[in-house]
Amino acid sequence: MPGLTFVTTDPGSPAAVATLWAYYDDIVGRYWGRAALPGETDAAVADEPSADLQGDSGVLVLGMLDGVPVACGGVRFVGDNVGELTRIYVAPEARGTGTGTALIAHLEGLAGDAGRTRLRLTVRSDLVEARSLYARAGYTEVAPFNSDPYAEHWFAKELT
């Protein structure tokens, strides 16, 4: 998408906080099948902090379109060679533009630069578009690797 850039950011920056809140608002609403209530989104943000997506434990990236955040995603470093994709979100106005594919490719590059050779992730069944995006990006379903209560599909990819 012309004008799309990626910026590594502190999860506590105002742009990151707003974009992460939009991510949680989207997935909470989809989980309940209705618009998320403000308290539900706030609870999800508090239950799943993103502060570790910086420094030696991970990275958080914002996708910026002409200076406006339209996407976010992170990699949590969970082992010597393993990273977990997390917080993958594309705002509704940027969906279907290749932003998600570009975001994942950018995160894979950062993970590789950090010495990760394998990326994995979890996703819920209702997030059909996300599952399709991951499959198109070369992620394949694998055996469960955690007991996250919201994980219904587990994916992984070897980085080359």
N, C-alpha and C. Protein backbone atom coordinates (compact mmCIF):
# COMPACT_ATOMS: atom_id res chain seq x y z
N MET A 1 0.85 -1.17 0.00
CA MET A 1 0.00 0.00 0.00
C MET A 1 0.90 1.24 0.00
N PRO A 2 0.73 2.11 -0.96
CA PRO A 2 1.55 3.34 -1.00
C PRO A 2 1.36 4.17 0.27
N GLY A 3 2.48 4.66 0.78
CA GLY A 3 2.43 5.49 1.98
C GLY A 3 2.49 4.71 3.27
N LEU A 4 2.51 3.36 3.21
CA LEU A 4 2.55 2.53 4.41
C LEU A 4 3.99 2.35 4.87
N THR A 5 4.23 2.67 6.14
CA THR A 5 5.54 2.46 6.74
C THR A 5 5.34 1.75 8.08
N PHE A 6 6.42 1.19 8.59
CA PHE A 6 6.37 0.50 9.88
C PHE A 6 7.35 1.15 10.84
N VAL A 7 6.89 1.34 12.06
CA VAL A 7 7.67 2.01 13.09
C VAL A 7 7.67 1.15 14.34
N THR A 8 8.86 0.82 14.82
CA THR A 8 8.98 0.12 16.10
C THR A 8 8.73 1.15 17.19
N THR A 9 7.91 0.77 18.18
CA THR A 9 7.50 1.76 19.17
C THR A 9 7.44 1.15 20.57
N ASP A 10 7.43 2.03 21.53
CA ASP A 10 7.21 1.66 22.93
C ASP A 10 5.72 1.35 23.09
N PRO A 11 5.37 0.22 23.70
CA PRO A 11 3.96 -0.11 23.88
C PRO A 11 3.18 0.93 24.69
N GLY A 12 3.86 1.77 25.42
CA GLY A 12 3.20 2.80 26.22
C GLY A 12 3.05 4.13 25.51
N SER A 13 3.53 4.23 24.28
CA SER A 13 3.39 5.49 23.55
C SER A 13 1.91 5.75 23.26
N PRO A 14 1.51 6.99 23.16
CA PRO A 14 0.10 7.28 22.90
C PRO A 14 -0.46 6.58 21.65
N ALA A 15 0.31 6.56 20.57
CA ALA A 15 -0.17 5.90 19.34
C ALA A 15 -0.32 4.40 19.55
N ALA A 16 0.64 3.79 20.26
CA ALA A 16 0.55 2.35 20.52
C ALA A 16 -0.64 2.03 21.43
N VAL A 17 -0.82 2.80 22.48
CA VAL A 17 -1.94 2.56 23.40
C VAL A 17 -3.27 2.65 22.64
N ALA A 18 -3.42 3.66 21.80
CA ALA A 18 -4.67 3.82 21.05
C ALA A 18 -4.88 2.67 20.06
N THR A 19 -3.83 2.25 19.39
CA THR A 19 -3.97 1.18 18.39
C THR A 19 -4.20 -0.16 19.08
N LEU A 20 -3.52 -0.41 20.18
CA LEU A 20 -3.76 -1.65 20.92
C LEU A 20 -5.19 -1.68 21.48
N TRP A 21 -5.69 -0.54 21.92
CA TRP A 21 -7.07 -0.48 22.42
C TRP A 21 -8.04 -0.82 21.28
N ALA A 22 -7.78 -0.31 20.09
CA ALA A 22 -8.62 -0.62 18.93
C ALA A 22 -8.56 -2.12 18.61
N TYR A 23 -7.38 -2.72 18.71
CA TYR A 23 -7.22 -4.16 18.50
C TYR A 23 -8.09 -4.94 19.49
N TYR A 24 -7.97 -4.61 20.76
CA TYR A 24 -8.76 -5.33 21.77
C TYR A 24 -10.25 -5.07 21.60
N ASP A 25 -10.63 -3.85 21.29
CA ASP A 25 -12.03 -3.54 21.07
C ASP A 25 -12.60 -4.42 19.95
N ASP A 26 -11.82 -4.60 18.90
CA ASP A 26 -12.24 -5.43 17.77
C ASP A 26 -12.39 -6.90 18.17
N ILE A 27 -11.36 -7.47 18.81
CA ILE A 27 -11.43 -8.90 19.10
C ILE A 27 -12.40 -9.22 20.24
N VAL A 28 -12.56 -8.31 21.18
CA VAL A 28 -13.54 -8.53 22.25
C VAL A 28 -14.95 -8.52 21.66
N GLY A 29 -15.22 -7.54 20.81
CA GLY A 29 -16.53 -7.47 20.17
C GLY A 29 -16.82 -8.69 19.33
N ARG A 30 -15.83 -9.15 18.60
CA ARG A 30 -16.03 -10.35 17.76
C ARG A 30 -16.27 -11.58 18.64
N TYR A 31 -15.60 -11.64 19.77
CA TYR A 31 -15.78 -12.78 20.68
C TYR A 31 -17.22 -12.85 21.17
N TRP A 32 -17.79 -11.70 21.52
CA TRP A 32 -19.15 -11.66 22.06
C TRP A 32 -20.21 -11.55 20.96
N GLY A 33 -19.80 -11.29 19.72
CA GLY A 33 -20.76 -11.17 18.63
C GLY A 33 -21.57 -9.89 18.67
N ARG A 34 -21.00 -8.86 19.29
CA ARG A 34 -21.65 -7.55 19.39
C ARG A 34 -20.56 -6.53 19.66
N ALA A 35 -20.89 -5.29 19.59
CA ALA A 35 -19.89 -4.26 19.92
C ALA A 35 -19.41 -4.45 21.36
N ALA A 36 -18.12 -4.33 21.55
CA ALA A 36 -17.56 -4.46 22.90
C ALA A 36 -18.00 -3.28 23.74
N LEU A 37 -18.28 -3.56 24.99
CA LEU A 37 -18.57 -2.50 25.93
C LEU A 37 -17.24 -1.93 26.43
N PRO A 38 -17.16 -0.62 26.69
CA PRO A 38 -15.89 -0.03 27.10
C PRO A 38 -15.21 -0.77 28.25
N GLY A 39 -15.95 -1.19 29.23
CA GLY A 39 -15.35 -1.91 30.35
C GLY A 39 -14.76 -3.24 29.94
N GLU A 40 -15.36 -3.90 28.95
CA GLU A 40 -14.83 -5.18 28.47
C GLU A 40 -13.49 -4.99 27.77
N THR A 41 -13.40 -3.96 26.97
CA THR A 41 -12.14 -3.70 26.28
C THR A 41 -11.06 -3.31 27.28
N ASP A 42 -11.40 -2.45 28.22
CA ASP A 42 -10.43 -2.05 29.24
C ASP A 42 -9.94 -3.26 30.03
N ALA A 43 -10.83 -4.19 30.35
CA ALA A 43 -10.45 -5.39 31.09
C ALA A 43 -9.50 -6.26 30.27
N ALA A 44 -9.77 -6.39 28.98
CA ALA A 44 -8.89 -7.19 28.12
C ALA A 44 -7.50 -6.58 28.04
N VAL A 45 -7.43 -5.25 27.91
CA VAL A 45 -6.15 -4.57 27.87
C VAL A 45 -5.39 -4.81 29.17
N ALA A 46 -6.08 -4.75 30.30
CA ALA A 46 -5.44 -4.96 31.61
C ALA A 46 -5.02 -6.41 31.81
N ASP A 47 -5.84 -7.36 31.31
CA ASP A 47 -5.55 -8.78 31.48
C ASP A 47 -4.38 -9.26 30.63
N GLU A 48 -4.15 -8.59 29.52
CA GLU A 48 -3.10 -9.01 28.59
C GLU A 48 -2.19 -7.83 28.27
N PRO A 49 -1.34 -7.44 29.23
CA PRO A 49 -0.48 -6.28 29.01
C PRO A 49 0.50 -6.51 27.86
N SER A 50 0.91 -5.42 27.26
CA SER A 50 1.84 -5.48 26.12
C SER A 50 3.20 -4.86 26.45
N ALA A 51 3.43 -4.53 27.70
CA ALA A 51 4.65 -3.83 28.10
C ALA A 51 5.91 -4.61 27.78
N ASP A 52 5.81 -5.95 27.67
CA ASP A 52 7.00 -6.75 27.39
C ASP A 52 7.38 -6.75 25.91
N LEU A 53 6.62 -6.08 25.07
CA LEU A 53 6.92 -6.05 23.64
C LEU A 53 7.92 -4.93 23.33
N GLN A 54 9.06 -5.03 24.01
CA GLN A 54 10.15 -4.07 23.83
C GLN A 54 11.41 -4.64 24.45
N GLY A 55 12.53 -4.09 24.06
CA GLY A 55 13.81 -4.51 24.64
C GLY A 55 14.14 -5.95 24.31
N ASP A 56 14.67 -6.66 25.30
CA ASP A 56 15.11 -8.03 25.10
C ASP A 56 13.96 -9.04 25.03
N SER A 57 12.75 -8.61 25.40
CA SER A 57 11.64 -9.57 25.45
C SER A 57 10.69 -9.49 24.25
N GLY A 58 10.87 -8.48 23.39
CA GLY A 58 10.00 -8.42 22.22
C GLY A 58 10.04 -7.09 21.52
N VAL A 59 9.12 -6.95 20.58
CA VAL A 59 9.05 -5.74 19.77
C VAL A 59 7.59 -5.48 19.41
N LEU A 60 7.22 -4.21 19.37
CA LEU A 60 5.89 -3.81 18.92
C LEU A 60 6.07 -2.84 17.76
N VAL A 61 5.29 -3.06 16.71
CA VAL A 61 5.38 -2.26 15.50
C VAL A 61 4.01 -1.66 15.19
N LEU A 62 4.01 -0.42 14.76
CA LEU A 62 2.81 0.22 14.23
C LEU A 62 2.95 0.35 12.73
N GLY A 63 1.88 0.03 12.02
CA GLY A 63 1.81 0.30 10.60
C GLY A 63 1.20 1.68 10.43
N MET A 64 1.93 2.57 9.77
CA MET A 64 1.52 3.96 9.63
C MET A 64 1.20 4.25 8.17
N LEU A 65 0.04 4.80 7.93
CA LEU A 65 -0.34 5.22 6.59
C LEU A 65 -0.39 6.74 6.58
N ASP A 66 0.56 7.32 5.90
CA ASP A 66 0.66 8.78 5.85
C ASP A 66 0.65 9.39 7.26
N GLY A 67 1.37 8.73 8.18
CA GLY A 67 1.52 9.22 9.54
C GLY A 67 0.44 8.83 10.52
N VAL A 68 -0.58 8.09 10.06
CA VAL A 68 -1.70 7.68 10.92
C VAL A 68 -1.60 6.18 11.17
N PRO A 69 -1.66 5.74 12.45
CA PRO A 69 -1.60 4.30 12.72
C PRO A 69 -2.82 3.57 12.16
N VAL A 70 -2.56 2.52 11.35
CA VAL A 70 -3.64 1.71 10.79
C VAL A 70 -3.45 0.22 11.09
N ALA A 71 -2.36 -0.12 11.80
CA ALA A 71 -2.09 -1.53 12.09
C ALA A 71 -1.11 -1.62 13.24
N CYS A 72 -1.09 -2.77 13.87
CA CYS A 72 -0.07 -3.06 14.87
C CYS A 72 0.21 -4.55 14.88
N GLY A 73 1.35 -4.88 15.42
CA GLY A 73 1.72 -6.28 15.58
C GLY A 73 2.99 -6.36 16.40
N GLY A 74 3.16 -7.48 17.04
CA GLY A 74 4.34 -7.66 17.86
C GLY A 74 4.91 -9.05 17.75
N VAL A 75 6.14 -9.16 18.22
CA VAL A 75 6.79 -10.46 18.38
C VAL A 75 7.29 -10.51 19.81
N ARG A 76 6.86 -11.54 20.49
CA ARG A 76 7.34 -11.79 21.86
C ARG A 76 8.43 -12.85 21.74
N PHE A 77 9.60 -12.58 22.30
CA PHE A 77 10.71 -13.52 22.25
C PHE A 77 10.54 -14.52 23.39
N VAL A 78 10.23 -15.77 23.06
CA VAL A 78 9.90 -16.76 24.09
C VAL A 78 10.96 -17.83 24.26
N GLY A 79 11.97 -17.85 23.44
CA GLY A 79 13.03 -18.83 23.56
C GLY A 79 14.22 -18.37 22.73
N ASP A 80 15.30 -19.14 22.80
CA ASP A 80 16.51 -18.75 22.07
C ASP A 80 16.25 -18.54 20.59
N ASN A 81 15.40 -19.36 20.01
CA ASN A 81 15.16 -19.23 18.58
C ASN A 81 13.69 -19.10 18.23
N VAL A 82 12.83 -18.92 19.22
CA VAL A 82 11.38 -18.89 18.99
C VAL A 82 10.81 -17.52 19.34
N GLY A 83 9.92 -17.06 18.47
CA GLY A 83 9.16 -15.85 18.72
C GLY A 83 7.69 -16.14 18.52
N GLU A 84 6.85 -15.38 19.20
CA GLU A 84 5.41 -15.51 19.03
C GLU A 84 4.83 -14.22 18.47
N LEU A 85 4.15 -14.33 17.33
CA LEU A 85 3.43 -13.20 16.81
C LEU A 85 2.25 -12.90 17.73
N THR A 86 1.99 -11.64 17.96
CA THR A 86 0.90 -11.25 18.84
C THR A 86 0.41 -9.86 18.46
N ARG A 87 -0.79 -9.54 18.87
CA ARG A 87 -1.40 -8.22 18.68
C ARG A 87 -1.48 -7.82 17.20
N ILE A 88 -1.67 -8.81 16.31
CA ILE A 88 -1.77 -8.52 14.87
C ILE A 88 -3.14 -7.89 14.62
N TYR A 89 -3.12 -6.66 14.13
CA TYR A 89 -4.37 -5.92 13.91
C TYR A 89 -4.20 -4.98 12.72
N VAL A 90 -5.24 -4.95 11.89
CA VAL A 90 -5.34 -3.99 10.80
C VAL A 90 -6.69 -3.30 10.95
N ALA A 91 -6.67 -1.99 10.99
CA ALA A 91 -7.91 -1.21 11.13
C ALA A 91 -8.82 -1.48 9.94
N PRO A 92 -10.13 -1.42 10.16
CA PRO A 92 -11.08 -1.73 9.08
C PRO A 92 -10.82 -0.98 7.78
N GLU A 93 -10.43 0.28 7.86
CA GLU A 93 -10.22 1.06 6.64
C GLU A 93 -8.99 0.62 5.84
N ALA A 94 -8.11 -0.19 6.44
CA ALA A 94 -6.90 -0.66 5.75
C ALA A 94 -6.97 -2.15 5.40
N ARG A 95 -8.05 -2.80 5.75
CA ARG A 95 -8.17 -4.23 5.44
C ARG A 95 -8.36 -4.44 3.94
N GLY A 96 -7.80 -5.54 3.47
CA GLY A 96 -7.90 -5.86 2.05
C GLY A 96 -6.92 -5.10 1.17
N THR A 97 -5.96 -4.43 1.78
CA THR A 97 -5.00 -3.61 1.03
C THR A 97 -3.60 -4.21 1.00
N GLY A 98 -3.40 -5.35 1.65
CA GLY A 98 -2.07 -5.95 1.76
C GLY A 98 -1.33 -5.51 3.01
N THR A 99 -1.96 -4.69 3.83
CA THR A 99 -1.31 -4.19 5.04
C THR A 99 -0.95 -5.33 5.99
N GLY A 100 -1.86 -6.27 6.19
CA GLY A 100 -1.60 -7.40 7.09
C GLY A 100 -0.43 -8.25 6.61
N THR A 101 -0.39 -8.53 5.32
CA THR A 101 0.70 -9.31 4.75
C THR A 101 2.02 -8.59 4.92
N ALA A 102 2.04 -7.29 4.64
CA ALA A 102 3.26 -6.49 4.79
C ALA A 102 3.69 -6.42 6.25
N LEU A 103 2.74 -6.29 7.16
CA LEU A 103 3.04 -6.24 8.59
C LEU A 103 3.71 -7.54 9.04
N ILE A 104 3.14 -8.67 8.65
CA ILE A 104 3.72 -9.96 9.05
C ILE A 104 5.12 -10.12 8.48
N ALA A 105 5.32 -9.76 7.22
CA ALA A 105 6.65 -9.86 6.62
C ALA A 105 7.65 -8.98 7.38
N HIS A 106 7.23 -7.79 7.76
CA HIS A 106 8.11 -6.89 8.52
C HIS A 106 8.46 -7.50 9.88
N LEU A 107 7.47 -8.05 10.56
CA LEU A 107 7.71 -8.68 11.86
C LEU A 107 8.62 -9.90 11.72
N GLU A 108 8.45 -10.67 10.66
CA GLU A 108 9.33 -11.81 10.42
C GLU A 108 10.77 -11.35 10.26
N GLY A 109 10.97 -10.24 9.54
CA GLY A 109 12.32 -9.70 9.38
C GLY A 109 12.92 -9.28 10.71
N LEU A 110 12.14 -8.61 11.54
CA LEU A 110 12.63 -8.21 12.86
C LEU A 110 12.95 -9.43 13.73
N ALA A 111 12.10 -10.44 13.66
CA ALA A 111 12.34 -11.66 14.43
C ALA A 111 13.62 -12.35 13.97
N GLY A 112 13.81 -12.41 12.66
CA GLY A 112 15.05 -13.00 12.14
C GLY A 112 16.27 -12.21 12.57
N ASP A 113 16.18 -10.89 12.54
CA ASP A 113 17.28 -10.04 12.99
C ASP A 113 17.60 -10.29 14.47
N ALA A 114 16.58 -10.68 15.24
CA ALA A 114 16.76 -10.96 16.67
C ALA A 114 17.15 -12.41 16.93
N GLY A 115 17.47 -13.16 15.86
CA GLY A 115 17.94 -14.52 16.03
C GLY A 115 16.86 -15.58 16.11
N ARG A 116 15.63 -15.21 15.83
CA ARG A 116 14.55 -16.20 15.88
C ARG A 116 14.48 -16.92 14.54
N THR A 117 14.37 -18.24 14.59
CA THR A 117 14.27 -19.04 13.37
C THR A 117 12.90 -19.67 13.21
N ARG A 118 12.08 -19.54 14.23
CA ARG A 118 10.72 -20.10 14.20
C ARG A 118 9.77 -19.10 14.84
N LEU A 119 8.66 -18.86 14.16
CA LEU A 119 7.61 -18.03 14.73
C LEU A 119 6.38 -18.89 14.92
N ARG A 120 5.64 -18.59 15.96
CA ARG A 120 4.39 -19.31 16.22
C ARG A 120 3.36 -18.30 16.69
N LEU A 121 2.11 -18.73 16.71
CA LEU A 121 1.02 -17.87 17.15
C LEU A 121 -0.21 -18.71 17.45
N THR A 122 -1.14 -18.09 18.15
CA THR A 122 -2.43 -18.72 18.40
C THR A 122 -3.52 -17.79 17.88
N VAL A 123 -4.66 -18.38 17.58
CA VAL A 123 -5.78 -17.58 17.09
C VAL A 123 -7.08 -18.31 17.43
N ARG A 124 -8.12 -17.54 17.62
CA ARG A 124 -9.45 -18.11 17.90
C ARG A 124 -10.11 -18.54 16.60
N SER A 125 -11.08 -19.44 16.71
CA SER A 125 -11.81 -19.93 15.54
C SER A 125 -12.62 -18.84 14.85
N ASP A 126 -13.16 -17.90 15.62
CA ASP A 126 -14.01 -16.87 15.01
C ASP A 126 -13.22 -15.84 14.20
N LEU A 127 -11.93 -15.82 14.33
CA LEU A 127 -11.10 -14.86 13.60
C LEU A 127 -10.67 -15.49 12.25
N VAL A 128 -11.67 -15.74 11.43
CA VAL A 128 -11.49 -16.45 10.16
C VAL A 128 -10.51 -15.71 9.25
N GLU A 129 -10.65 -14.40 9.13
CA GLU A 129 -9.77 -13.63 8.26
C GLU A 129 -8.32 -13.72 8.73
N ALA A 130 -8.11 -13.71 10.02
CA ALA A 130 -6.75 -13.82 10.56
C ALA A 130 -6.16 -15.19 10.22
N ARG A 131 -6.93 -16.23 10.39
CA ARG A 131 -6.43 -17.57 10.07
C ARG A 131 -6.06 -17.66 8.59
N SER A 132 -6.86 -17.06 7.75
CA SER A 132 -6.58 -17.06 6.31
C SER A 132 -5.30 -16.27 6.01
N LEU A 133 -5.13 -15.14 6.66
CA LEU A 133 -3.93 -14.32 6.49
C LEU A 133 -2.69 -15.12 6.88
N TYR A 134 -2.73 -15.80 8.01
CA TYR A 134 -1.56 -16.57 8.46
C TYR A 134 -1.26 -17.71 7.50
N ALA A 135 -2.27 -18.39 7.01
CA ALA A 135 -2.06 -19.47 6.05
C ALA A 135 -1.42 -18.93 4.77
N ARG A 136 -1.91 -17.79 4.27
CA ARG A 136 -1.32 -17.19 3.07
C ARG A 136 0.13 -16.79 3.30
N ALA A 137 0.47 -16.45 4.53
CA ALA A 137 1.85 -16.04 4.85
C ALA A 137 2.76 -17.24 5.12
N GLY A 138 2.24 -18.46 4.97
CA GLY A 138 3.06 -19.65 5.12
C GLY A 138 3.04 -20.32 6.47
N TYR A 139 2.15 -19.89 7.35
CA TYR A 139 2.02 -20.52 8.66
C TYR A 139 1.14 -21.75 8.52
N THR A 140 1.53 -22.84 9.19
CA THR A 140 0.75 -24.07 9.15
C THR A 140 0.28 -24.41 10.56
N GLU A 141 -0.86 -25.07 10.62
CA GLU A 141 -1.38 -25.48 11.93
C GLU A 141 -0.47 -26.55 12.52
N VAL A 142 -0.23 -26.42 13.82
CA VAL A 142 0.63 -27.35 14.55
C VAL A 142 -0.11 -27.79 15.82
N ALA A 143 0.48 -28.75 16.52
CA ALA A 143 -0.08 -29.21 17.79
C ALA A 143 -0.06 -28.06 18.79
N PRO A 144 -1.02 -28.05 19.72
CA PRO A 144 -1.04 -26.98 20.73
C PRO A 144 0.30 -26.88 21.47
N PHE A 145 0.76 -25.64 21.68
CA PHE A 145 2.00 -25.42 22.42
C PHE A 145 1.77 -24.61 23.68
N ASN A 146 0.51 -24.30 23.99
CA ASN A 146 0.19 -23.63 25.24
C ASN A 146 -1.26 -23.95 25.61
N SER A 147 -1.68 -23.46 26.75
CA SER A 147 -3.06 -23.72 27.20
C SER A 147 -3.83 -22.41 27.36
N ASP A 148 -3.50 -21.42 26.53
CA ASP A 148 -4.20 -20.15 26.54
C ASP A 148 -5.70 -20.41 26.39
N PRO A 149 -6.53 -19.85 27.26
CA PRO A 149 -7.97 -20.14 27.18
C PRO A 149 -8.63 -19.65 25.89
N TYR A 150 -8.02 -18.71 25.18
CA TYR A 150 -8.61 -18.20 23.94
C TYR A 150 -7.97 -18.82 22.70
N ALA A 151 -6.99 -19.68 22.87
CA ALA A 151 -6.33 -20.31 21.73
C ALA A 151 -7.18 -21.50 21.26
N GLU A 152 -7.51 -21.48 19.99
CA GLU A 152 -8.25 -22.59 19.39
C GLU A 152 -7.52 -23.16 18.17
N HIS A 153 -6.57 -22.40 17.66
CA HIS A 153 -5.72 -22.85 16.55
C HIS A 153 -4.30 -22.39 16.85
N TRP A 154 -3.35 -23.26 16.59
CA TRP A 154 -1.95 -22.96 16.81
C TRP A 154 -1.24 -23.06 15.46
N PHE A 155 -0.43 -22.05 15.14
CA PHE A 155 0.27 -21.99 13.87
C PHE A 155 1.78 -21.79 14.12
N ALA A 156 2.59 -22.20 13.15
CA ALA A 156 4.03 -21.97 13.22
C ALA A 156 4.61 -21.87 11.82
N LYS A 157 5.78 -21.25 11.77
CA LYS A 157 6.50 -21.10 10.50
C LYS A 157 7.99 -21.06 10.80
N GLU A 158 8.74 -21.80 10.00
CA GLU A 158 10.20 -21.73 10.08
C GLU A 158 10.64 -20.55 9.22
N LEU A 159 11.47 -19.70 9.75
CA LEU A 159 12.00 -18.57 8.99
C LEU A 159 13.24 -19.02 8.24
N THR A 160 13.39 -18.53 7.02
CA THR A 160 14.55 -18.94 6.21
C THR A 160 15.58 -17.85 6.16
